[in-house]
Amino acid sequence: MNIPLLLIGIVFIILGFISLKKSQHLNKNGIKTLAKVVKVEKVKSQDEDGYTKYSYRPLLSFKDENQVEHEFKSDVSSGNKRKYHEGDEIEIVYDPENSEKAMVKNFFSMWLMPVILGGIGIMIFIVGLSS
């Protein structure tokens, strides 16, 4: 049994659970609406081999229930240049108590992080148990 790996696994599982609860809360209590793509930001990055990659992240604008306009960048970007276009409308969900907390309503934005963190945590925990 490897105690440090067990502890790291537990931390990842807890972070995945917290992320899951935030997404569940927003999905259950949030207000769903459409946001307009205002701009598509081109994000440049390099991989470990030095190759340049680009991804595309939408800047979104929406009006809350009080007709106050808000803008936010999606947490998830796409490698597909043609996925987002200015003027497109995308379904989002936002917290009515804090309109600045908004997410694109899709699997990647809302559920991918809890799955990744929890999955990594479980794998590390299992390795820690078996070592």
Protein backbone atom coordinates (compact mmCIF):
# COMPACT_ATOMS: atom_id res chain seq x y z
CA MET A 1 0.00 0.00 0.00
CA ASN A 2 1.39 3.36 -1.08
CA ILE A 3 0.02 6.05 1.27
CA PRO A 4 1.09 9.09 -0.84
CA LEU A 5 -0.66 7.67 -3.92
CA LEU A 6 -3.77 6.91 -1.87
CA LEU A 7 -3.83 10.50 -0.60
CA ILE A 8 -3.32 11.95 -4.10
CA GLY A 9 -6.10 9.71 -5.40
CA ILE A 10 -8.42 10.86 -2.62
CA VAL A 11 -7.66 14.52 -3.41
CA PHE A 12 -8.52 13.99 -7.10
CA ILE A 13 -11.72 12.13 -6.18
CA ILE A 14 -12.75 14.98 -3.86
CA LEU A 15 -11.99 17.59 -6.55
CA GLY A 16 -14.02 15.58 -9.06
CA PHE A 17 -16.90 15.37 -6.58
CA ILE A 18 -16.80 19.13 -5.91
CA SER A 19 -16.77 19.84 -9.66
CA LEU A 20 -19.66 17.41 -10.13
CA LYS A 21 -21.72 19.11 -7.40
CA LYS A 22 -21.12 22.55 -8.95
CA SER A 23 -22.27 21.32 -12.36
CA GLN A 24 -25.30 19.57 -10.86
CA HIS A 25 -26.26 22.70 -8.90
CA LEU A 26 -25.95 24.91 -11.97
CA ASN A 27 -27.85 22.43 -14.14
CA LYS A 28 -30.68 22.12 -11.57
CA ASN A 29 -30.96 25.72 -10.34
CA GLY A 30 -29.54 27.70 -13.23
CA ILE A 31 -31.45 29.60 -15.86
CA LYS A 32 -31.15 28.25 -19.37
CA THR A 33 -31.00 30.75 -22.19
CA LEU A 34 -29.32 31.39 -25.52
CA ALA A 35 -26.08 33.31 -25.80
CA LYS A 36 -24.76 34.87 -28.97
CA VAL A 37 -21.21 34.27 -30.17
CA VAL A 38 -19.70 37.76 -30.19
CA LYS A 39 -16.20 36.77 -31.22
CA VAL A 40 -14.17 33.63 -31.78
CA GLU A 41 -10.77 33.82 -30.11
CA LYS A 42 -7.89 31.95 -31.75
CA VAL A 43 -5.69 30.40 -29.04
CA LYS A 44 -2.14 29.39 -29.95
CA SER A 45 -0.28 26.66 -28.07
CA GLN A 46 2.68 24.35 -28.60
CA ASP A 47 2.89 20.68 -27.81
CA GLU A 48 5.94 18.99 -26.28
CA ASP A 49 7.44 18.41 -29.75
CA GLY A 50 7.28 22.12 -30.58
CA TYR A 51 4.38 21.90 -33.01
CA THR A 52 2.07 24.89 -32.98
CA LYS A 53 -1.60 24.15 -32.46
CA TYR A 54 -4.60 26.43 -32.60
CA SER A 55 -7.92 26.13 -30.87
CA TYR A 56 -10.96 28.35 -31.08
CA ARG A 57 -12.85 29.63 -28.04
CA PRO A 58 -16.09 31.60 -28.30
CA LEU A 59 -16.73 34.84 -26.45
CA LEU A 60 -20.43 34.74 -25.61
CA SER A 61 -22.96 37.44 -24.76
CA PHE A 62 -26.32 36.95 -23.06
CA LYS A 63 -28.95 38.90 -21.17
CA ASP A 64 -29.95 37.75 -17.71
CA GLU A 65 -33.51 37.76 -16.37
CA ASN A 66 -33.16 41.50 -15.57
CA GLN A 67 -32.07 42.21 -19.17
CA VAL A 68 -28.52 43.03 -18.02
CA GLU A 69 -26.00 41.99 -20.66
CA HIS A 70 -23.06 39.75 -19.69
CA GLU A 71 -20.11 38.39 -21.63
CA PHE A 72 -17.98 35.34 -20.86
CA LYS A 73 -15.50 33.06 -22.57
CA SER A 74 -16.42 29.43 -22.86
CA ASP A 75 -14.30 27.12 -20.70
CA VAL A 76 -14.01 24.72 -23.62
CA SER A 77 -12.35 25.46 -26.93
CA SER A 78 -12.48 23.53 -30.18
CA GLY A 79 -9.79 22.48 -32.59
CA ASN A 80 -12.36 22.87 -35.36
CA LYS A 81 -12.15 26.37 -36.82
CA ARG A 82 -15.66 26.10 -38.25
CA LYS A 83 -17.45 25.06 -35.04
CA TYR A 84 -18.20 28.60 -33.85
CA HIS A 85 -19.21 31.60 -35.96
CA GLU A 86 -19.99 35.13 -34.90
CA GLY A 87 -23.74 35.49 -34.53
CA ASP A 88 -24.37 31.81 -33.70
CA GLU A 89 -26.58 31.14 -30.71
CA ILE A 90 -25.51 28.58 -28.15
CA GLU A 91 -27.53 27.24 -25.21
CA ILE A 92 -26.03 28.22 -21.87
CA VAL A 93 -27.00 28.01 -18.22
CA TYR A 94 -26.19 30.68 -15.64
CA ASP A 95 -26.57 31.09 -11.90
CA PRO A 96 -29.47 33.49 -11.20
CA GLU A 97 -27.76 34.63 -7.98
CA ASN A 98 -24.49 35.34 -9.80
CA SER A 99 -24.96 35.87 -13.53
CA GLU A 100 -21.17 35.92 -14.00
CA LYS A 101 -21.18 32.15 -13.41
CA ALA A 102 -22.28 30.81 -16.77
CA MET A 103 -21.45 27.70 -18.79
CA VAL A 104 -22.20 26.39 -22.23
CA LYS A 105 -24.81 23.69 -21.70
CA ASN A 106 -23.09 20.67 -23.16
CA PHE A 107 -21.24 17.59 -21.92
CA PHE A 108 -17.74 18.99 -22.32
CA SER A 109 -18.36 22.20 -20.39
CA MET A 110 -20.45 20.76 -17.59
CA TRP A 111 -19.44 17.15 -17.06
CA LEU A 112 -16.01 16.48 -18.55
CA MET A 113 -13.97 17.91 -15.65
CA PRO A 114 -15.76 15.85 -12.96
CA VAL A 115 -15.33 12.70 -15.07
CA ILE A 116 -11.62 13.36 -15.68
CA LEU A 117 -10.78 14.31 -12.09
CA GLY A 118 -12.80 11.48 -10.60
CA GLY A 119 -11.46 8.94 -13.09
CA ILE A 120 -7.84 9.94 -12.49
CA GLY A 121 -8.46 9.87 -8.73
CA ILE A 122 -9.92 6.37 -8.85
CA MET A 123 -7.03 5.06 -10.98
CA ILE A 124 -4.38 6.61 -8.70
CA PHE A 125 -6.21 5.28 -5.63
CA ILE A 126 -6.31 1.74 -7.09
CA VAL A 127 -2.60 1.91 -7.97
CA GLY A 128 -1.91 3.11 -4.42
CA LEU A 129 -3.84 0.16 -2.98
CA SER A 130 -2.03 -2.37 -5.14
CA SER A 131 1.51 -1.05 -4.55
